[in-house]
Amino acid sequence: MTLSGTVVNGAIVLDAKQPLPDGARVTVTIEADPAAKESLRDVLAQYAGCMKELPPDMAEQHDHYLHGTSKR
């Protein structure tokens, strides 16, 4: 049996009245909100590791490569 509902003030309100016995065990699956936006972390994570031809010390010396400062 699959039932649908909405959370209202912390309680699940079913769309249709269903006689469920007290003590009945249930499983709740949270569906993703299609209107919810991706977090900035998720958007940026898709670019992680995409640069293949960087100098091996890029992380430590990024100011040198990006801004021309002296290497540390």
PDB file of N, CA and C in Angstrom:
ATOM      1  N   MET A   1       0.850  -1.167   0.000  1.00  0.00           N
ATOM      2  CA  MET A   1       0.000   0.000   0.000  1.00  0.00           C
ATOM      3  C   MET A   1       0.896   1.230   0.000  1.00  0.00           C
ATOM      4  N   THR A   2       0.617   2.182  -0.864  1.00  0.00           N
ATOM      5  CA  THR A   2       1.349   3.438  -0.915  1.00  0.00           C
ATOM      6  C   THR A   2       0.384   4.572  -0.610  1.00  0.00           C
ATOM      7  N   LEU A   3       0.762   5.396   0.352  1.00  0.00           N
ATOM      8  CA  LEU A   3      -0.054   6.550   0.724  1.00  0.00           C
ATOM      9  C   LEU A   3       0.761   7.806   0.512  1.00  0.00           C
ATOM     10  N   SER A   4       0.112   8.883   0.146  1.00  0.00           N
ATOM     11  CA  SER A   4       0.787  10.165  -0.048  1.00  0.00           C
ATOM     12  C   SER A   4       0.247  11.164   0.944  1.00  0.00           C
ATOM     13  N   GLY A   5       1.074  12.128   1.280  1.00  0.00           N
ATOM     14  CA  GLY A   5       0.649  13.156   2.209  1.00  0.00           C
ATOM     15  C   GLY A   5       1.626  14.307   2.234  1.00  0.00           C
ATOM     16  N   THR A   6       1.422  15.196   3.190  1.00  0.00           N
ATOM     17  CA  THR A   6       2.230  16.395   3.333  1.00  0.00           C
ATOM     18  C   THR A   6       2.554  16.587   4.803  1.00  0.00           C
ATOM     19  N   VAL A   7       3.725  17.134   5.081  1.00  0.00           N
ATOM     20  CA  VAL A   7       4.088  17.438   6.467  1.00  0.00           C
ATOM     21  C   VAL A   7       3.503  18.803   6.816  1.00  0.00           C
ATOM     22  N   VAL A   8       2.724  18.844   7.895  1.00  0.00           N
ATOM     23  CA  VAL A   8       2.121  20.082   8.379  1.00  0.00           C
ATOM     24  C   VAL A   8       2.437  20.201   9.870  1.00  0.00           C
ATOM     25  N   ASN A   9       3.197  21.233  10.232  1.00  0.00           N
ATOM     26  CA  ASN A   9       3.601  21.441  11.626  1.00  0.00           C
ATOM     27  C   ASN A   9       4.230  20.192  12.235  1.00  0.00           C
ATOM     28  N   GLY A  10       5.055  19.495  11.460  1.00  0.00           N
ATOM     29  CA  GLY A  10       5.780  18.341  11.969  1.00  0.00           C
ATOM     30  C   GLY A  10       5.018  17.030  11.937  1.00  0.00           C
ATOM     31  N   ALA A  11       3.762  17.052  11.516  1.00  0.00           N
ATOM     32  CA  ALA A  11       2.965  15.815  11.437  1.00  0.00           C
ATOM     33  C   ALA A  11       2.657  15.505   9.977  1.00  0.00           C
ATOM     34  N   ILE A  12       2.598  14.227   9.646  1.00  0.00           N
ATOM     35  CA  ILE A  12       2.268  13.825   8.283  1.00  0.00           C
ATOM     36  C   ILE A  12       0.753  13.752   8.151  1.00  0.00           C
ATOM     37  N   VAL A  13       0.230  14.529   7.216  1.00  0.00           N
ATOM     38  CA  VAL A  13      -1.206  14.540   6.954  1.00  0.00           C
ATOM     39  C   VAL A  13      -1.425  13.842   5.622  1.00  0.00           C
ATOM     40  N   LEU A  14      -2.134  12.725   5.649  1.00  0.00           N
ATOM     41  CA  LEU A  14      -2.368  11.954   4.432  1.00  0.00           C
ATOM     42  C   LEU A  14      -3.353  12.665   3.527  1.00  0.00           C
ATOM     43  N   ASP A  15      -3.172  12.470   2.198  1.00  0.00           N
ATOM     44  CA  ASP A  15      -4.071  13.091   1.234  1.00  0.00           C
ATOM     45  C   ASP A  15      -5.477  12.513   1.326  1.00  0.00           C
ATOM     46  N   ALA A  16      -5.589  11.226   1.571  1.00  0.00           N
ATOM     47  CA  ALA A  16      -6.902  10.572   1.667  1.00  0.00           C
ATOM     48  C   ALA A  16      -6.997   9.879   3.024  1.00  0.00           C
ATOM     49  N   LYS A  17      -8.173   9.874   3.600  1.00  0.00           N
ATOM     50  CA  LYS A  17      -8.377   9.193   4.889  1.00  0.00           C
ATOM     51  C   LYS A  17      -8.132   7.708   4.693  1.00  0.00           C
ATOM     52  N   GLN A  18      -7.302   7.148   5.534  1.00  0.00           N
ATOM     53  CA  GLN A  18      -7.023   5.714   5.497  1.00  0.00           C
ATOM     54  C   GLN A  18      -7.138   5.184   6.916  1.00  0.00           C
ATOM     55  N   PRO A  19      -7.935   4.160   7.108  1.00  0.00           N
ATOM     56  CA  PRO A  19      -8.030   3.579   8.452  1.00  0.00           C
ATOM     57  C   PRO A  19      -6.803   2.708   8.729  1.00  0.00           C
ATOM     58  N   LEU A  20      -5.860   3.252   9.486  1.00  0.00           N
ATOM     59  CA  LEU A  20      -4.663   2.506   9.853  1.00  0.00           C
ATOM     60  C   LEU A  20      -4.767   2.134  11.322  1.00  0.00           C
ATOM     61  N   PRO A  21      -4.513   0.879  11.641  1.00  0.00           N
ATOM     62  CA  PRO A  21      -4.626   0.464  13.039  1.00  0.00           C
ATOM     63  C   PRO A  21      -3.504   1.059  13.891  1.00  0.00           C
ATOM     64  N   ASP A  22      -3.799   1.325  15.145  1.00  0.00           N
ATOM     65  CA  ASP A  22      -2.770   1.800  16.070  1.00  0.00           C
ATOM     66  C   ASP A  22      -1.642   0.777  16.121  1.00  0.00           C
ATOM     67  N   GLY A  23      -0.427   1.264  16.140  1.00  0.00           N
ATOM     68  CA  GLY A  23       0.726   0.379  16.210  1.00  0.00           C
ATOM     69  C   GLY A  23       1.202  -0.113  14.850  1.00  0.00           C
ATOM     70  N   ALA A  24       0.510   0.284  13.780  1.00  0.00           N
ATOM     71  CA  ALA A  24       0.927  -0.149  12.445  1.00  0.00           C
ATOM     72  C   ALA A  24       2.297   0.436  12.135  1.00  0.00           C
ATOM     73  N   ARG A  25       3.207  -0.369  11.629  1.00  0.00           N
ATOM     74  CA  ARG A  25       4.541   0.088  11.263  1.00  0.00           C
ATOM     75  C   ARG A  25       4.485   0.691   9.865  1.00  0.00           C
ATOM     76  N   VAL A  26       5.164   1.812   9.677  1.00  0.00           N
ATOM     77  CA  VAL A  26       5.182   2.486   8.383  1.00  0.00           C
ATOM     78  C   VAL A  26       6.614   2.865   8.025  1.00  0.00           C
ATOM     79  N   THR A  27       6.847   3.077   6.746  1.00  0.00           N
ATOM     80  CA  THR A  27       8.118   3.583   6.247  1.00  0.00           C
ATOM     81  C   THR A  27       7.819   4.872   5.500  1.00  0.00           C
ATOM     82  N   VAL A  28       8.589   5.918   5.792  1.00  0.00           N
ATOM     83  CA  VAL A  28       8.377   7.213   5.155  1.00  0.00           C
ATOM     84  C   VAL A  28       9.541   7.474   4.210  1.00  0.00           C
ATOM     85  N   THR A  29       9.236   7.800   2.956  1.00  0.00           N
ATOM     86  CA  THR A  29      10.241   8.154   1.960  1.00  0.00           C
ATOM     87  C   THR A  29      10.058   9.624   1.625  1.00  0.00           C
ATOM     88  N   ILE A  30      11.117  10.414   1.799  1.00  0.00           N
ATOM     89  CA  ILE A  30      11.054  11.839   1.507  1.00  0.00           C
ATOM     90  C   ILE A  30      11.366  12.039   0.029  1.00  0.00           C
ATOM     91  N   GLU A  31      10.463  12.676  -0.680  1.00  0.00           N
ATOM     92  CA  GLU A  31      10.667  12.959  -2.091  1.00  0.00           C
ATOM     93  C   GLU A  31      11.325  14.322  -2.234  1.00  0.00           C
ATOM     94  N   ALA A  32      12.235  14.435  -3.197  1.00  0.00           N
ATOM     95  CA  ALA A  32      12.908  15.710  -3.438  1.00  0.00           C
ATOM     96  C   ALA A  32      11.892  16.722  -3.953  1.00  0.00           C
ATOM     97  N   ASP A  33      12.025  17.937  -3.452  1.00  0.00           N
ATOM     98  CA  ASP A  33      11.151  19.019  -3.898  1.00  0.00           C
ATOM     99  C   ASP A  33      11.646  19.488  -5.264  1.00  0.00           C
ATOM    100  N   PRO A  34      10.851  19.352  -6.313  1.00  0.00           N
ATOM    101  CA  PRO A  34      11.318  19.744  -7.645  1.00  0.00           C
ATOM    102  C   PRO A  34      11.597  21.246  -7.744  1.00  0.00           C
ATOM    103  N   ALA A  35      11.016  22.034  -6.852  1.00  0.00           N
ATOM    104  CA  ALA A  35      11.243  23.477  -6.886  1.00  0.00           C
ATOM    105  C   ALA A  35      12.500  23.870  -6.115  1.00  0.00           C
ATOM    106  N   ALA A  36      13.073  22.932  -5.341  1.00  0.00           N
ATOM    107  CA  ALA A  36      14.262  23.243  -4.543  1.00  0.00           C
ATOM    108  C   ALA A  36      15.465  23.428  -5.457  1.00  0.00           C
ATOM    109  N   LYS A  37      16.257  24.440  -5.162  1.00  0.00           N
ATOM    110  CA  LYS A  37      17.454  24.704  -5.951  1.00  0.00           C
ATOM    111  C   LYS A  37      18.611  23.883  -5.414  1.00  0.00           C
ATOM    112  N   GLU A  38      19.555  23.575  -6.295  1.00  0.00           N
ATOM    113  CA  GLU A  38      20.775  22.893  -5.869  1.00  0.00           C
ATOM    114  C   GLU A  38      21.576  23.842  -4.990  1.00  0.00           C
ATOM    115  N   SER A  39      22.263  23.289  -4.014  1.00  0.00           N
ATOM    116  CA  SER A  39      23.117  24.120  -3.172  1.00  0.00           C
ATOM    117  C   SER A  39      24.346  24.528  -3.983  1.00  0.00           C
ATOM    118  N   LEU A  40      24.989  25.611  -3.545  1.00  0.00           N
ATOM    119  CA  LEU A  40      26.207  26.063  -4.211  1.00  0.00           C
ATOM    120  C   LEU A  40      27.262  24.969  -4.184  1.00  0.00           C
ATOM    121  N   ARG A  41      27.323  24.234  -3.064  1.00  0.00           N
ATOM    122  CA  ARG A  41      28.280  23.129  -2.944  1.00  0.00           C
ATOM    123  C   ARG A  41      28.051  22.093  -4.040  1.00  0.00           C
ATOM    124  N   ASP A  42      26.796  21.724  -4.284  1.00  0.00           N
ATOM    125  CA  ASP A  42      26.492  20.726  -5.306  1.00  0.00           C
ATOM    126  C   ASP A  42      26.813  21.240  -6.705  1.00  0.00           C
ATOM    127  N   VAL A  43      26.545  22.516  -6.947  1.00  0.00           N
ATOM    128  CA  VAL A  43      26.846  23.093  -8.258  1.00  0.00           C
ATOM    129  C   VAL A  43      28.355  23.088  -8.505  1.00  0.00           C
ATOM    130  N   LEU A  44      29.129  23.509  -7.496  1.00  0.00           N
ATOM    131  CA  LEU A  44      30.582  23.569  -7.668  1.00  0.00           C
ATOM    132  C   LEU A  44      31.220  22.191  -7.680  1.00  0.00           C
ATOM    133  N   ALA A  45      30.646  21.226  -6.979  1.00  0.00           N
ATOM    134  CA  ALA A  45      31.216  19.881  -6.901  1.00  0.00           C
ATOM    135  C   ALA A  45      31.290  19.208  -8.265  1.00  0.00           C
ATOM    136  N   GLN A  46      30.417  19.583  -9.171  1.00  0.00           N
ATOM    137  CA  GLN A  46      30.458  18.952 -10.494  1.00  0.00           C
ATOM    138  C   GLN A  46      31.706  19.344 -11.280  1.00  0.00           C
ATOM    139  N   TYR A  47      32.395  20.395 -10.845  1.00  0.00           N
ATOM    140  CA  TYR A  47      33.624  20.826 -11.514  1.00  0.00           C
ATOM    141  C   TYR A  47      34.881  20.302 -10.830  1.00  0.00           C
ATOM    142  N   ALA A  48      34.734  19.643  -9.700  1.00  0.00           N
ATOM    143  CA  ALA A  48      35.893  19.129  -8.969  1.00  0.00           C
ATOM    144  C   ALA A  48      36.645  18.118  -9.837  1.00  0.00           C
ATOM    145  N   GLY A  49      37.940  18.334  -9.967  1.00  0.00           N
ATOM    146  CA  GLY A  49      38.782  17.400 -10.715  1.00  0.00           C
ATOM    147  C   GLY A  49      38.707  17.532 -12.227  1.00  0.00           C
ATOM    148  N   CYS A  50      38.083  18.594 -12.737  1.00  0.00           N
ATOM    149  CA  CYS A  50      37.918  18.695 -14.193  1.00  0.00           C
ATOM    150  C   CYS A  50      39.145  19.273 -14.902  1.00  0.00           C
ATOM    151  N   MET A  51      40.050  19.915 -14.168  1.00  0.00           N
ATOM    152  CA  MET A  51      41.237  20.488 -14.791  1.00  0.00           C
ATOM    153  C   MET A  51      42.356  19.446 -14.780  1.00  0.00           C
ATOM    154  N   LYS A  52      42.801  19.035 -15.949  1.00  0.00           N
ATOM    155  CA  LYS A  52      43.756  17.937 -16.059  1.00  0.00           C
ATOM    156  C   LYS A  52      45.202  18.389 -16.246  1.00  0.00           C
ATOM    157  N   GLU A  53      45.451  19.582 -16.784  1.00  0.00           N
ATOM    158  CA  GLU A  53      46.813  19.976 -17.140  1.00  0.00           C
ATOM    159  C   GLU A  53      47.299  21.140 -16.288  1.00  0.00           C
ATOM    160  N   LEU A  54      47.225  21.012 -14.977  1.00  0.00           N
ATOM    161  CA  LEU A  54      47.705  22.048 -14.068  1.00  0.00           C
ATOM    162  C   LEU A  54      49.066  21.657 -13.511  1.00  0.00           C
ATOM    163  N   PRO A  55      49.858  22.658 -13.093  1.00  0.00           N
ATOM    164  CA  PRO A  55      51.152  22.340 -12.470  1.00  0.00           C
ATOM    165  C   PRO A  55      50.925  21.518 -11.200  1.00  0.00           C
ATOM    166  N   PRO A  56      51.860  20.640 -10.861  1.00  0.00           N
ATOM    167  CA  PRO A  56      51.671  19.784  -9.688  1.00  0.00           C
ATOM    168  C   PRO A  56      51.597  20.555  -8.367  1.00  0.00           C
ATOM    169  N   ASP A  57      52.152  21.791  -8.331  1.00  0.00           N
ATOM    170  CA  ASP A  57      52.102  22.574  -7.101  1.00  0.00           C
ATOM    171  C   ASP A  57      51.049  23.686  -7.159  1.00  0.00           C
ATOM    172  N   MET A  58      50.043  23.530  -7.987  1.00  0.00           N
ATOM    173  CA  MET A  58      49.013  24.554  -8.168  1.00  0.00           C
ATOM    174  C   MET A  58      48.309  24.898  -6.853  1.00  0.00           C
ATOM    175  N   ALA A  59      47.975  23.911  -6.044  1.00  0.00           N
ATOM    176  CA  ALA A  59      47.251  24.184  -4.805  1.00  0.00           C
ATOM    177  C   ALA A  59      48.081  25.041  -3.855  1.00  0.00           C
ATOM    178  N   GLU A  60      49.366  24.719  -3.736  1.00  0.00           N
ATOM    179  CA  GLU A  60      50.227  25.453  -2.806  1.00  0.00           C
ATOM    180  C   GLU A  60      50.641  26.821  -3.356  1.00  0.00           C
ATOM    181  N   GLN A  61      50.760  26.933  -4.660  1.00  0.00           N
ATOM    182  CA  GLN A  61      51.277  28.157  -5.283  1.00  0.00           C
ATOM    183  C   GLN A  61      50.235  28.867  -6.157  1.00  0.00           C
ATOM    184  N   HIS A  62      48.961  28.756  -5.802  1.00  0.00           N
ATOM    185  CA  HIS A  62      47.923  29.332  -6.667  1.00  0.00           C
ATOM    186  C   HIS A  62      48.084  30.847  -6.844  1.00  0.00           C
ATOM    187  N   ASP A  63      48.554  31.580  -5.824  1.00  0.00           N
ATOM    188  CA  ASP A  63      48.755  33.024  -5.984  1.00  0.00           C
ATOM    189  C   ASP A  63      49.799  33.317  -7.054  1.00  0.00           C
ATOM    190  N   HIS A  64      50.831  32.498  -7.121  1.00  0.00           N
ATOM    191  CA  HIS A  64      51.868  32.673  -8.140  1.00  0.00           C
ATOM    192  C   HIS A  64      51.269  32.484  -9.537  1.00  0.00           C
ATOM    193  N   TYR A  65      50.514  31.424  -9.732  1.00  0.00           N
ATOM    194  CA  TYR A  65      49.967  31.119 -11.058  1.00  0.00           C
ATOM    195  C   TYR A  65      48.804  32.026 -11.443  1.00  0.00           C
ATOM    196  N   LEU A  66      48.017  32.466 -10.486  1.00  0.00           N
ATOM    197  CA  LEU A  66      46.851  33.290 -10.804  1.00  0.00           C
ATOM    198  C   LEU A  66      47.176  34.781 -10.824  1.00  0.00           C
ATOM    199  N   HIS A  67      48.056  35.231  -9.909  1.00  0.00           N
ATOM    200  CA  HIS A  67      48.293  36.669  -9.748  1.00  0.00           C
ATOM    201  C   HIS A  67      49.725  37.096 -10.022  1.00  0.00           C
ATOM    202  N   GLY A  68      50.620  36.158 -10.280  1.00  0.00           N
ATOM    203  CA  GLY A  68      51.997  36.497 -10.612  1.00  0.00           C
ATOM    204  C   GLY A  68      52.876  36.822  -9.414  1.00  0.00           C
ATOM    205  N   THR A  69      52.444  36.502  -8.209  1.00  0.00           N
ATOM    206  CA  THR A  69      53.278  36.760  -7.035  1.00  0.00           C
ATOM    207  C   THR A  69      54.450  35.773  -7.029  1.00  0.00           C
ATOM    208  N   SER A  70      55.440  36.078  -6.209  1.00  0.00           N
ATOM    209  CA  SER A  70      56.599  35.182  -6.090  1.00  0.00           C
ATOM    210  C   SER A  70      56.181  33.876  -5.440  1.00  0.00           C
ATOM    211  N   LYS A  71      56.835  32.790  -5.837  1.00  0.00           N
ATOM    212  CA  LYS A  71      56.566  31.506  -5.197  1.00  0.00           C
ATOM    213  C   LYS A  71      57.039  31.545  -3.763  1.00  0.00           C
ATOM    214  N   ARG A  72      56.362  30.837  -2.882  1.00  0.00           N
ATOM    215  CA  ARG A  72      56.740  30.762  -1.466  1.00  0.00           C
ATOM    216  C   ARG A  72      57.726  29.659  -1.245  1.00  0.00           C
TER     217      ARG A  72
END
